[in-house]
N, C-alpha and C. Protein backbone atom coordinates (compact mmCIF):
# COMPACT_ATOMS: atom_id res chain seq x y z
N LYS A 1 0.81 -1.20 -0.01
CA LYS A 1 -0.01 0.00 0.00
C LYS A 1 0.86 1.25 0.00
N GLN A 2 2.04 1.19 0.59
CA GLN A 2 2.86 2.33 0.72
C GLN A 2 3.36 2.86 -0.65
N ILE A 3 3.57 1.98 -1.58
CA ILE A 3 4.09 2.42 -2.90
C ILE A 3 3.01 2.76 -3.90
N LEU A 4 1.76 2.52 -3.54
CA LEU A 4 0.64 2.73 -4.44
C LEU A 4 0.55 4.14 -5.00
N PRO A 5 0.64 5.21 -4.20
CA PRO A 5 0.59 6.57 -4.77
C PRO A 5 1.71 6.83 -5.79
N ASP A 6 2.92 6.36 -5.52
CA ASP A 6 3.99 6.56 -6.47
C ASP A 6 3.77 5.78 -7.75
N ALA A 7 3.26 4.54 -7.61
CA ALA A 7 3.00 3.70 -8.77
C ALA A 7 1.90 4.31 -9.64
N ILE A 8 0.87 4.82 -9.05
CA ILE A 8 -0.21 5.48 -9.77
C ILE A 8 0.32 6.69 -10.51
N SER A 9 1.11 7.49 -9.84
CA SER A 9 1.68 8.71 -10.47
C SER A 9 2.56 8.35 -11.66
N GLU A 10 3.38 7.32 -11.52
CA GLU A 10 4.25 6.89 -12.60
C GLU A 10 3.43 6.38 -13.78
N TYR A 11 2.38 5.62 -13.47
CA TYR A 11 1.49 5.10 -14.55
C TYR A 11 0.84 6.23 -15.30
N VAL A 12 0.30 7.20 -14.57
CA VAL A 12 -0.33 8.36 -15.21
C VAL A 12 0.62 9.14 -16.06
N ASP A 13 1.81 9.35 -15.59
CA ASP A 13 2.87 10.05 -16.36
C ASP A 13 3.22 9.29 -17.65
N ILE A 14 3.39 8.00 -17.55
CA ILE A 14 3.75 7.18 -18.73
C ILE A 14 2.59 7.20 -19.73
N MET A 15 1.39 7.01 -19.28
CA MET A 15 0.24 7.03 -20.22
C MET A 15 0.08 8.39 -20.89
N GLU A 16 0.30 9.45 -20.14
CA GLU A 16 0.19 10.79 -20.73
C GLU A 16 1.29 11.02 -21.78
N ARG A 17 2.51 10.61 -21.42
CA ARG A 17 3.64 10.79 -22.36
C ARG A 17 3.48 9.99 -23.62
N GLU A 18 3.03 8.72 -23.48
CA GLU A 18 2.92 7.83 -24.61
C GLU A 18 1.66 8.02 -25.46
N SER A 19 0.58 8.42 -24.83
CA SER A 19 -0.67 8.53 -25.58
C SER A 19 -1.26 9.92 -25.61
N GLY A 20 -0.77 10.83 -24.79
CA GLY A 20 -1.31 12.16 -24.71
C GLY A 20 -2.60 12.25 -23.94
N ILE A 21 -2.99 11.16 -23.28
CA ILE A 21 -4.23 11.12 -22.52
C ILE A 21 -3.90 11.22 -21.03
N LYS A 22 -4.53 12.13 -20.36
CA LYS A 22 -4.36 12.30 -18.89
C LYS A 22 -5.38 11.46 -18.19
N LEU A 23 -4.96 10.45 -17.50
CA LEU A 23 -5.85 9.51 -16.80
C LEU A 23 -6.05 9.93 -15.34
N LYS A 24 -7.19 9.57 -14.82
CA LYS A 24 -7.45 9.72 -13.38
C LYS A 24 -7.97 8.38 -12.83
N PRO A 25 -7.01 7.43 -12.67
CA PRO A 25 -7.45 6.09 -12.27
C PRO A 25 -7.97 6.04 -10.82
N ASN A 26 -8.95 5.19 -10.63
CA ASN A 26 -9.49 4.91 -9.31
C ASN A 26 -8.90 3.58 -8.88
N VAL A 27 -7.91 3.61 -8.01
CA VAL A 27 -7.19 2.38 -7.63
C VAL A 27 -7.54 2.01 -6.16
N THR A 28 -7.91 0.75 -5.98
CA THR A 28 -8.17 0.26 -4.64
C THR A 28 -7.38 -1.03 -4.45
N VAL A 29 -7.09 -1.34 -3.20
CA VAL A 29 -6.38 -2.58 -2.86
C VAL A 29 -7.34 -3.45 -2.06
N SER A 30 -7.57 -4.65 -2.54
CA SER A 30 -8.48 -5.54 -1.84
C SER A 30 -7.75 -6.17 -0.64
N GLU A 31 -8.43 -6.15 0.49
CA GLU A 31 -7.90 -6.76 1.67
C GLU A 31 -8.68 -8.02 2.04
N ASP A 32 -9.44 -8.52 1.05
CA ASP A 32 -10.22 -9.73 1.22
C ASP A 32 -9.31 -10.91 1.30
N PRO A 33 -9.30 -11.66 2.42
CA PRO A 33 -8.40 -12.80 2.56
C PRO A 33 -8.63 -13.88 1.47
N ALA A 34 -9.81 -13.92 0.89
CA ALA A 34 -10.09 -14.90 -0.18
C ALA A 34 -9.36 -14.55 -1.47
N LYS A 35 -8.92 -13.33 -1.60
CA LYS A 35 -8.23 -12.89 -2.81
C LYS A 35 -6.71 -12.84 -2.67
N VAL A 36 -6.19 -13.27 -1.57
CA VAL A 36 -4.76 -13.30 -1.35
C VAL A 36 -4.14 -14.37 -2.26
N LEU A 37 -3.04 -14.02 -2.87
CA LEU A 37 -2.39 -14.98 -3.79
C LEU A 37 -1.86 -16.17 -2.98
N GLY A 38 -1.99 -17.33 -3.56
CA GLY A 38 -1.52 -18.56 -2.94
C GLY A 38 -0.02 -18.67 -3.04
N ALA A 39 0.54 -19.63 -2.27
CA ALA A 39 1.99 -19.81 -2.27
C ALA A 39 2.53 -20.26 -3.59
N SER A 40 1.68 -20.91 -4.43
CA SER A 40 2.16 -21.42 -5.72
C SER A 40 2.48 -20.31 -6.68
N THR A 41 2.04 -19.09 -6.45
CA THR A 41 2.32 -17.98 -7.39
C THR A 41 3.73 -17.44 -7.22
N GLN A 42 4.36 -17.71 -6.11
CA GLN A 42 5.71 -17.27 -5.81
C GLN A 42 5.85 -15.70 -5.85
N GLY A 43 4.77 -15.02 -5.54
CA GLY A 43 4.81 -13.56 -5.54
C GLY A 43 4.35 -12.94 -6.79
N GLY A 44 4.17 -11.65 -6.77
CA GLY A 44 3.70 -10.89 -7.93
C GLY A 44 2.40 -10.21 -7.62
N VAL A 45 1.68 -9.88 -8.67
CA VAL A 45 0.42 -9.16 -8.50
C VAL A 45 -0.55 -9.55 -9.63
N ILE A 46 -1.83 -9.56 -9.31
CA ILE A 46 -2.89 -9.72 -10.30
C ILE A 46 -3.72 -8.47 -10.25
N LEU A 47 -3.78 -7.76 -11.38
CA LEU A 47 -4.57 -6.52 -11.49
C LEU A 47 -5.84 -6.82 -12.26
N THR A 48 -6.92 -6.24 -11.78
CA THR A 48 -8.17 -6.40 -12.55
C THR A 48 -8.80 -5.03 -12.75
N ALA A 49 -9.57 -4.92 -13.82
CA ALA A 49 -10.23 -3.67 -14.15
C ALA A 49 -11.62 -4.00 -14.79
N ARG A 50 -12.44 -3.02 -14.85
CA ARG A 50 -13.76 -3.17 -15.48
C ARG A 50 -14.51 -4.36 -14.87
N ASP A 51 -14.57 -4.37 -13.53
CA ASP A 51 -15.36 -5.43 -12.81
C ASP A 51 -14.82 -6.82 -13.16
N GLY A 52 -13.51 -6.95 -13.31
CA GLY A 52 -12.91 -8.22 -13.56
C GLY A 52 -12.88 -8.66 -15.05
N ARG A 53 -13.37 -7.81 -15.93
CA ARG A 53 -13.38 -8.17 -17.37
C ARG A 53 -11.97 -8.04 -17.97
N ILE A 54 -11.12 -7.22 -17.35
CA ILE A 54 -9.72 -7.11 -17.81
C ILE A 54 -8.83 -7.59 -16.68
N VAL A 55 -7.98 -8.57 -16.94
CA VAL A 55 -7.12 -9.11 -15.91
C VAL A 55 -5.66 -9.12 -16.38
N CYS A 56 -4.79 -8.61 -15.56
CA CYS A 56 -3.34 -8.65 -15.85
C CYS A 56 -2.69 -9.47 -14.73
N ASP A 57 -2.29 -10.69 -15.14
CA ASP A 57 -1.67 -11.59 -14.15
C ASP A 57 -0.16 -11.44 -14.29
N ASN A 58 0.45 -10.79 -13.33
CA ASN A 58 1.91 -10.58 -13.35
C ASN A 58 2.55 -11.28 -12.17
N THR A 59 2.10 -12.54 -11.94
CA THR A 59 2.73 -13.34 -10.87
C THR A 59 3.94 -14.05 -11.44
N MET A 60 4.81 -14.48 -10.59
CA MET A 60 6.00 -15.20 -11.03
C MET A 60 5.58 -16.48 -11.79
N GLN A 61 4.57 -17.17 -11.31
CA GLN A 61 4.12 -18.40 -11.97
C GLN A 61 3.66 -18.11 -13.39
N SER A 62 2.88 -17.05 -13.60
CA SER A 62 2.39 -16.77 -14.93
C SER A 62 3.53 -16.34 -15.85
N ARG A 63 4.48 -15.62 -15.32
CA ARG A 63 5.62 -15.16 -16.15
C ARG A 63 6.51 -16.36 -16.56
N LEU A 64 6.70 -17.32 -15.62
CA LEU A 64 7.46 -18.54 -15.93
C LEU A 64 6.76 -19.40 -16.99
N THR A 65 5.44 -19.46 -16.90
CA THR A 65 4.67 -20.20 -17.88
C THR A 65 4.77 -19.55 -19.25
N LEU A 66 4.72 -18.25 -19.31
CA LEU A 66 4.87 -17.53 -20.58
C LEU A 66 6.26 -17.79 -21.19
N VAL A 67 7.30 -17.66 -20.39
CA VAL A 67 8.65 -17.88 -20.89
C VAL A 67 8.83 -19.32 -21.35
N TYR A 68 8.30 -20.27 -20.64
CA TYR A 68 8.41 -21.63 -21.01
C TYR A 68 7.77 -21.88 -22.40
N SER A 69 6.55 -21.34 -22.58
CA SER A 69 5.87 -21.57 -23.88
C SER A 69 6.61 -20.84 -25.00
N GLU A 70 7.24 -19.71 -24.72
CA GLU A 70 7.99 -19.01 -25.78
C GLU A 70 9.29 -19.76 -26.12
N LEU A 71 9.88 -20.44 -25.11
CA LEU A 71 11.15 -21.09 -25.35
C LEU A 71 11.01 -22.54 -25.84
N LEU A 72 9.80 -23.11 -25.78
CA LEU A 72 9.59 -24.48 -26.13
C LEU A 72 10.10 -24.86 -27.53
N PRO A 73 9.87 -24.05 -28.56
CA PRO A 73 10.41 -24.40 -29.86
C PRO A 73 11.96 -24.51 -29.86
N SER A 74 12.61 -23.61 -29.16
CA SER A 74 14.07 -23.64 -29.09
C SER A 74 14.54 -24.88 -28.32
N ILE A 75 13.83 -25.22 -27.29
CA ILE A 75 14.19 -26.41 -26.50
C ILE A 75 14.03 -27.69 -27.36
N ARG A 76 12.93 -27.73 -28.14
CA ARG A 76 12.74 -28.87 -29.03
C ARG A 76 13.84 -29.00 -30.07
N ALA A 77 14.24 -27.86 -30.64
CA ALA A 77 15.29 -27.88 -31.64
C ALA A 77 16.64 -28.36 -31.06
N ILE A 78 16.91 -27.99 -29.83
CA ILE A 78 18.14 -28.46 -29.17
C ILE A 78 18.08 -29.95 -28.87
N LEU A 79 16.95 -30.43 -28.34
CA LEU A 79 16.81 -31.81 -27.97
C LEU A 79 16.65 -32.76 -29.19
N PHE A 80 15.98 -32.27 -30.23
CA PHE A 80 15.72 -33.09 -31.40
C PHE A 80 16.15 -32.38 -32.67
N PRO A 81 17.46 -32.22 -32.91
CA PRO A 81 17.93 -31.41 -34.05
C PRO A 81 17.54 -32.01 -35.41
N GLU A 82 17.38 -33.30 -35.53
CA GLU A 82 17.04 -33.89 -36.80
C GLU A 82 15.60 -33.62 -37.19
N ALA A 83 14.75 -33.35 -36.23
CA ALA A 83 13.34 -33.06 -36.55
C ALA A 83 13.14 -31.63 -37.07
N ALA A 84 14.10 -30.77 -36.86
CA ALA A 84 13.91 -29.37 -37.23
C ALA A 84 14.14 -29.09 -38.67
C-alpha cells in the first residue's frame, strides 16, 4: 500500500507521455483474505479492471509459464535437431 501513490503517479505520467491522454485512475487494494495470492504464485500481483473483465496476471508463476511456452520451440530444436 505504501508504494501505491508513487505507482499510480508513474503510470499516469507514462500514459500521458505515450498517448497524450491524462488519466485519473481509481485504484483500490483488496484486503479480502479470499483474494490473497496462494503460495504457488511465488509472488507478484494480479490486477483487474472493469469489474474483472480485464485481468493482468503478473505473478511469477504466470511469467514462468509464458517464458516456457515461448522457449519451447528452441528447446525442441536443441533436444531433437534432426526433426527441425
